[in-house]
Amino acid sequence: MRIADVITYVAKAYVGKPVTGFRGGFYEDVASKISHGFTAVYVKVVTDEGGLVGWGG
């Protein structure tokens, strides 16, 4: 089995006000810095064996 392709996807979500409500100081700090949304990156790894793929994020 070999990796045939790696595909990246970027998902962005914007909201009208700062994101709050996280438990723990770290996430509250992150939310206050990005203030109006999130960005996530997902990776799809495709193999040369029919239909076998993996996802990461």
PDB file of N, CA and C in Angstrom:
ATOM      1  N   MET A   1       0.849  -1.174   0.000  1.00  0.00           N
ATOM      2  CA  MET A   1       0.000   0.000   0.000  1.00  0.00           C
ATOM      3  C   MET A   1       0.894   1.235   0.000  1.00  0.00           C
ATOM      4  N   ARG A   2       0.536   2.208  -0.848  1.00  0.00           N
ATOM      5  CA  ARG A   2       1.265   3.471  -0.934  1.00  0.00           C
ATOM      6  C   ARG A   2       0.270   4.630  -0.904  1.00  0.00           C
ATOM      7  N   ILE A   3       0.759   5.772  -0.478  1.00  0.00           N
ATOM      8  CA  ILE A   3      -0.060   6.975  -0.500  1.00  0.00           C
ATOM      9  C   ILE A   3      -0.139   7.482  -1.937  1.00  0.00           C
ATOM     10  N   ALA A   4      -1.356   7.614  -2.440  1.00  0.00           N
ATOM     11  CA  ALA A   4      -1.558   8.067  -3.814  1.00  0.00           C
ATOM     12  C   ALA A   4      -1.824   9.572  -3.873  1.00  0.00           C
ATOM     13  N   ASP A   5      -2.429  10.126  -2.824  1.00  0.00           N
ATOM     14  CA  ASP A   5      -2.769  11.547  -2.845  1.00  0.00           C
ATOM     15  C   ASP A   5      -2.996  12.042  -1.418  1.00  0.00           C
ATOM     16  N   VAL A   6      -2.727  13.308  -1.217  1.00  0.00           N
ATOM     17  CA  VAL A   6      -3.030  13.986   0.047  1.00  0.00           C
ATOM     18  C   VAL A   6      -3.791  15.255  -0.319  1.00  0.00           C
ATOM     19  N   ILE A   7      -5.018  15.382   0.208  1.00  0.00           N
ATOM     20  CA  ILE A   7      -5.880  16.509  -0.124  1.00  0.00           C
ATOM     21  C   ILE A   7      -6.178  17.271   1.167  1.00  0.00           C
ATOM     22  N   THR A   8      -6.015  18.583   1.131  1.00  0.00           N
ATOM     23  CA  THR A   8      -6.311  19.398   2.315  1.00  0.00           C
ATOM     24  C   THR A   8      -7.588  20.194   2.096  1.00  0.00           C
ATOM     25  N   TYR A   9      -8.327  20.371   3.185  1.00  0.00           N
ATOM     26  CA  TYR A   9      -9.555  21.156   3.180  1.00  0.00           C
ATOM     27  C   TYR A   9      -9.457  22.165   4.319  1.00  0.00           C
ATOM     28  N   VAL A  10      -9.810  23.395   4.043  1.00  0.00           N
ATOM     29  CA  VAL A  10      -9.820  24.437   5.072  1.00  0.00           C
ATOM     30  C   VAL A  10     -11.269  24.835   5.311  1.00  0.00           C
ATOM     31  N   ALA A  11     -11.695  24.736   6.549  1.00  0.00           N
ATOM     32  CA  ALA A  11     -13.062  25.111   6.921  1.00  0.00           C
ATOM     33  C   ALA A  11     -12.995  26.332   7.832  1.00  0.00           C
ATOM     34  N   LYS A  12     -13.762  27.351   7.483  1.00  0.00           N
ATOM     35  CA  LYS A  12     -13.805  28.563   8.300  1.00  0.00           C
ATOM     36  C   LYS A  12     -15.239  28.806   8.731  1.00  0.00           C
ATOM     37  N   ALA A  13     -15.406  29.153   9.980  1.00  0.00           N
ATOM     38  CA  ALA A  13     -16.731  29.475  10.509  1.00  0.00           C
ATOM     39  C   ALA A  13     -16.661  30.843  11.164  1.00  0.00           C
ATOM     40  N   TYR A  14     -17.490  31.731  10.712  1.00  0.00           N
ATOM     41  CA  TYR A  14     -17.528  33.078  11.276  1.00  0.00           C
ATOM     42  C   TYR A  14     -18.837  33.267  12.030  1.00  0.00           C
ATOM     43  N   VAL A  15     -18.757  33.951  13.127  1.00  0.00           N
ATOM     44  CA  VAL A  15     -19.948  34.258  13.915  1.00  0.00           C
ATOM     45  C   VAL A  15     -20.000  35.761  14.147  1.00  0.00           C
ATOM     46  N   GLY A  16     -21.174  36.252  14.521  1.00  0.00           N
ATOM     47  CA  GLY A  16     -21.372  37.686  14.649  1.00  0.00           C
ATOM     48  C   GLY A  16     -20.816  38.308  15.911  1.00  0.00           C
ATOM     49  N   LYS A  17     -20.422  37.482  16.875  1.00  0.00           N
ATOM     50  CA  LYS A  17     -19.883  38.032  18.119  1.00  0.00           C
ATOM     51  C   LYS A  17     -18.756  37.129  18.613  1.00  0.00           C
ATOM     52  N   PRO A  18     -17.961  37.589  19.548  1.00  0.00           N
ATOM     53  CA  PRO A  18     -16.860  36.755  20.053  1.00  0.00           C
ATOM     54  C   PRO A  18     -17.353  35.411  20.585  1.00  0.00           C
ATOM     55  N   VAL A  19     -16.552  34.388  20.341  1.00  0.00           N
ATOM     56  CA  VAL A  19     -16.877  33.038  20.781  1.00  0.00           C
ATOM     57  C   VAL A  19     -16.437  32.884  22.231  1.00  0.00           C
ATOM     58  N   THR A  20     -17.349  32.514  23.095  1.00  0.00           N
ATOM     59  CA  THR A  20     -17.035  32.339  24.521  1.00  0.00           C
ATOM     60  C   THR A  20     -17.694  31.063  25.022  1.00  0.00           C
ATOM     61  N   GLY A  21     -17.536  30.797  26.293  1.00  0.00           N
ATOM     62  CA  GLY A  21     -18.192  29.655  26.900  1.00  0.00           C
ATOM     63  C   GLY A  21     -17.331  28.425  27.005  1.00  0.00           C
ATOM     64  N   PHE A  22     -16.046  28.532  26.716  1.00  0.00           N
ATOM     65  CA  PHE A  22     -15.167  27.383  26.841  1.00  0.00           C
ATOM     66  C   PHE A  22     -14.800  27.150  28.294  1.00  0.00           C
ATOM     67  N   ARG A  23     -14.579  25.927  28.635  1.00  0.00           N
ATOM     68  CA  ARG A  23     -14.104  25.587  29.975  1.00  0.00           C
ATOM     69  C   ARG A  23     -12.591  25.624  29.974  1.00  0.00           C
ATOM     70  N   GLY A  24     -12.023  26.260  30.939  1.00  0.00           N
ATOM     71  CA  GLY A  24     -10.563  26.321  31.045  1.00  0.00           C
ATOM     72  C   GLY A  24     -10.013  27.581  30.412  1.00  0.00           C
ATOM     73  N   GLY A  25      -8.985  28.121  31.005  1.00  0.00           N
ATOM     74  CA  GLY A  25      -8.416  29.382  30.573  1.00  0.00           C
ATOM     75  C   GLY A  25      -7.832  29.376  29.177  1.00  0.00           C
ATOM     76  N   PHE A  26      -7.218  28.278  28.775  1.00  0.00           N
ATOM     77  CA  PHE A  26      -6.556  28.252  27.466  1.00  0.00           C
ATOM     78  C   PHE A  26      -7.543  28.547  26.344  1.00  0.00           C
ATOM     79  N   TYR A  27      -8.656  27.838  26.322  1.00  0.00           N
ATOM     80  CA  TYR A  27      -9.608  28.018  25.231  1.00  0.00           C
ATOM     81  C   TYR A  27     -10.296  29.377  25.289  1.00  0.00           C
ATOM     82  N   GLU A  28     -10.510  29.900  26.475  1.00  0.00           N
ATOM     83  CA  GLU A  28     -11.072  31.247  26.591  1.00  0.00           C
ATOM     84  C   GLU A  28     -10.109  32.264  26.007  1.00  0.00           C
ATOM     85  N   ASP A  29      -8.800  32.090  26.244  1.00  0.00           N
ATOM     86  CA  ASP A  29      -7.800  32.993  25.673  1.00  0.00           C
ATOM     87  C   ASP A  29      -7.789  32.895  24.152  1.00  0.00           C
ATOM     88  N   VAL A  30      -7.848  31.685  23.621  1.00  0.00           N
ATOM     89  CA  VAL A  30      -7.865  31.491  22.174  1.00  0.00           C
ATOM     90  C   VAL A  30      -9.109  32.145  21.582  1.00  0.00           C
ATOM     91  N   ALA A  31     -10.254  31.940  22.206  1.00  0.00           N
ATOM     92  CA  ALA A  31     -11.501  32.503  21.697  1.00  0.00           C
ATOM     93  C   ALA A  31     -11.451  34.020  21.676  1.00  0.00           C
ATOM     94  N   SER A  32     -10.849  34.619  22.690  1.00  0.00           N
ATOM     95  CA  SER A  32     -10.803  36.074  22.728  1.00  0.00           C
ATOM     96  C   SER A  32      -9.839  36.622  21.679  1.00  0.00           C
ATOM     97  N   LYS A  33      -8.816  35.845  21.311  1.00  0.00           N
ATOM     98  CA  LYS A  33      -7.853  36.314  20.306  1.00  0.00           C
ATOM     99  C   LYS A  33      -8.415  36.208  18.889  1.00  0.00           C
ATOM    100  N   ILE A  34      -9.134  35.127  18.612  1.00  0.00           N
ATOM    101  CA  ILE A  34      -9.683  34.985  17.265  1.00  0.00           C
ATOM    102  C   ILE A  34     -11.020  35.700  17.130  1.00  0.00           C
ATOM    103  N   SER A  35     -11.657  35.957  18.193  1.00  0.00           N
ATOM    104  CA  SER A  35     -12.848  36.767  18.396  1.00  0.00           C
ATOM    105  C   SER A  35     -14.069  36.408  17.563  1.00  0.00           C
ATOM    106  N   HIS A  36     -13.965  36.238  16.295  1.00  0.00           N
ATOM    107  CA  HIS A  36     -15.190  36.079  15.518  1.00  0.00           C
ATOM    108  C   HIS A  36     -15.239  34.819  14.666  1.00  0.00           C
ATOM    109  N   GLY A  37     -14.536  33.786  15.051  1.00  0.00           N
ATOM    110  CA  GLY A  37     -14.659  32.560  14.284  1.00  0.00           C
ATOM    111  C   GLY A  37     -13.509  31.598  14.491  1.00  0.00           C
ATOM    112  N   PHE A  38     -13.588  30.514  13.742  1.00  0.00           N
ATOM    113  CA  PHE A  38     -12.595  29.454  13.826  1.00  0.00           C
ATOM    114  C   PHE A  38     -12.144  29.053  12.430  1.00  0.00           C
ATOM    115  N   THR A  39     -10.953  28.526  12.349  1.00  0.00           N
ATOM    116  CA  THR A  39     -10.449  27.911  11.122  1.00  0.00           C
ATOM    117  C   THR A  39      -9.947  26.526  11.482  1.00  0.00           C
ATOM    118  N   ALA A  40     -10.332  25.535  10.690  1.00  0.00           N
ATOM    119  CA  ALA A  40      -9.874  24.165  10.906  1.00  0.00           C
ATOM    120  C   ALA A  40      -9.315  23.633   9.594  1.00  0.00           C
ATOM    121  N   VAL A  41      -8.284  22.806   9.684  1.00  0.00           N
ATOM    122  CA  VAL A  41      -7.691  22.182   8.499  1.00  0.00           C
ATOM    123  C   VAL A  41      -7.873  20.675   8.622  1.00  0.00           C
ATOM    124  N   TYR A  42      -8.417  20.066   7.576  1.00  0.00           N
ATOM    125  CA  TYR A  42      -8.601  18.625   7.523  1.00  0.00           C
ATOM    126  C   TYR A  42      -7.745  18.078   6.381  1.00  0.00           C
ATOM    127  N   VAL A  43      -7.232  16.874   6.588  1.00  0.00           N
ATOM    128  CA  VAL A  43      -6.371  16.247   5.579  1.00  0.00           C
ATOM    129  C   VAL A  43      -6.955  14.880   5.239  1.00  0.00           C
ATOM    130  N   LYS A  44      -7.092  14.641   3.954  1.00  0.00           N
ATOM    131  CA  LYS A  44      -7.557  13.337   3.464  1.00  0.00           C
ATOM    132  C   LYS A  44      -6.374  12.651   2.794  1.00  0.00           C
ATOM    133  N   VAL A  45      -6.045  11.453   3.254  1.00  0.00           N
ATOM    134  CA  VAL A  45      -4.943  10.674   2.690  1.00  0.00           C
ATOM    135  C   VAL A  45      -5.559   9.512   1.911  1.00  0.00           C
ATOM    136  N   VAL A  46      -5.246   9.455   0.629  1.00  0.00           N
ATOM    137  CA  VAL A  46      -5.800   8.435  -0.264  1.00  0.00           C
ATOM    138  C   VAL A  46      -4.695   7.440  -0.608  1.00  0.00           C
ATOM    139  N   THR A  47      -5.016   6.156  -0.510  1.00  0.00           N
ATOM    140  CA  THR A  47      -4.040   5.119  -0.843  1.00  0.00           C
ATOM    141  C   THR A  47      -4.292   4.558  -2.231  1.00  0.00           C
ATOM    142  N   ASP A  48      -3.346   3.778  -2.716  1.00  0.00           N
ATOM    143  CA  ASP A  48      -3.502   3.155  -4.023  1.00  0.00           C
ATOM    144  C   ASP A  48      -4.325   1.865  -3.953  1.00  0.00           C
ATOM    145  N   GLU A  49      -4.765   1.481  -2.758  1.00  0.00           N
ATOM    146  CA  GLU A  49      -5.622   0.308  -2.609  1.00  0.00           C
ATOM    147  C   GLU A  49      -7.070   0.779  -2.597  1.00  0.00           C
ATOM    148  N   GLY A  50      -7.824   0.364  -3.593  1.00  0.00           N
ATOM    149  CA  GLY A  50      -9.189   0.837  -3.862  1.00  0.00           C
ATOM    150  C   GLY A  50     -10.030   1.204  -2.661  1.00  0.00           C
ATOM    151  N   GLY A  51     -10.340   2.461  -2.525  1.00  0.00           N
ATOM    152  CA  GLY A  51     -11.271   2.934  -1.524  1.00  0.00           C
ATOM    153  C   GLY A  51     -10.715   3.137  -0.121  1.00  0.00           C
ATOM    154  N   LEU A  52      -9.463   2.838   0.121  1.00  0.00           N
ATOM    155  CA  LEU A  52      -8.897   2.986   1.450  1.00  0.00           C
ATOM    156  C   LEU A  52      -8.363   4.406   1.620  1.00  0.00           C
ATOM    157  N   VAL A  53      -9.007   5.174   2.522  1.00  0.00           N
ATOM    158  CA  VAL A  53      -8.604   6.561   2.786  1.00  0.00           C
ATOM    159  C   VAL A  53      -8.536   6.781   4.299  1.00  0.00           C
ATOM    160  N   GLY A  54      -7.859   7.830   4.685  1.00  0.00           N
ATOM    161  CA  GLY A  54      -7.791   8.210   6.090  1.00  0.00           C
ATOM    162  C   GLY A  54      -7.968   9.718   6.214  1.00  0.00           C
ATOM    163  N   TRP A  55      -8.490  10.161   7.356  1.00  0.00           N
ATOM    164  CA  TRP A  55      -8.726  11.587   7.605  1.00  0.00           C
ATOM    165  C   TRP A  55      -7.977  12.000   8.859  1.00  0.00           C
ATOM    166  N   GLY A  56      -7.514  13.232   8.845  1.00  0.00           N
ATOM    167  CA  GLY A  56      -6.873  13.814  10.029  1.00  0.00           C
ATOM    168  C   GLY A  56      -7.237  15.277  10.117  1.00  0.00           C
ATOM    169  N   GLY A  57      -7.046  15.810  11.287  1.00  0.00           N
ATOM    170  CA  GLY A  57      -7.390  17.223  11.453  1.00  0.00           C
ATOM    171  C   GLY A  57      -6.608  17.846  12.573  1.00  0.00           C
TER     172      GLY A  57
END
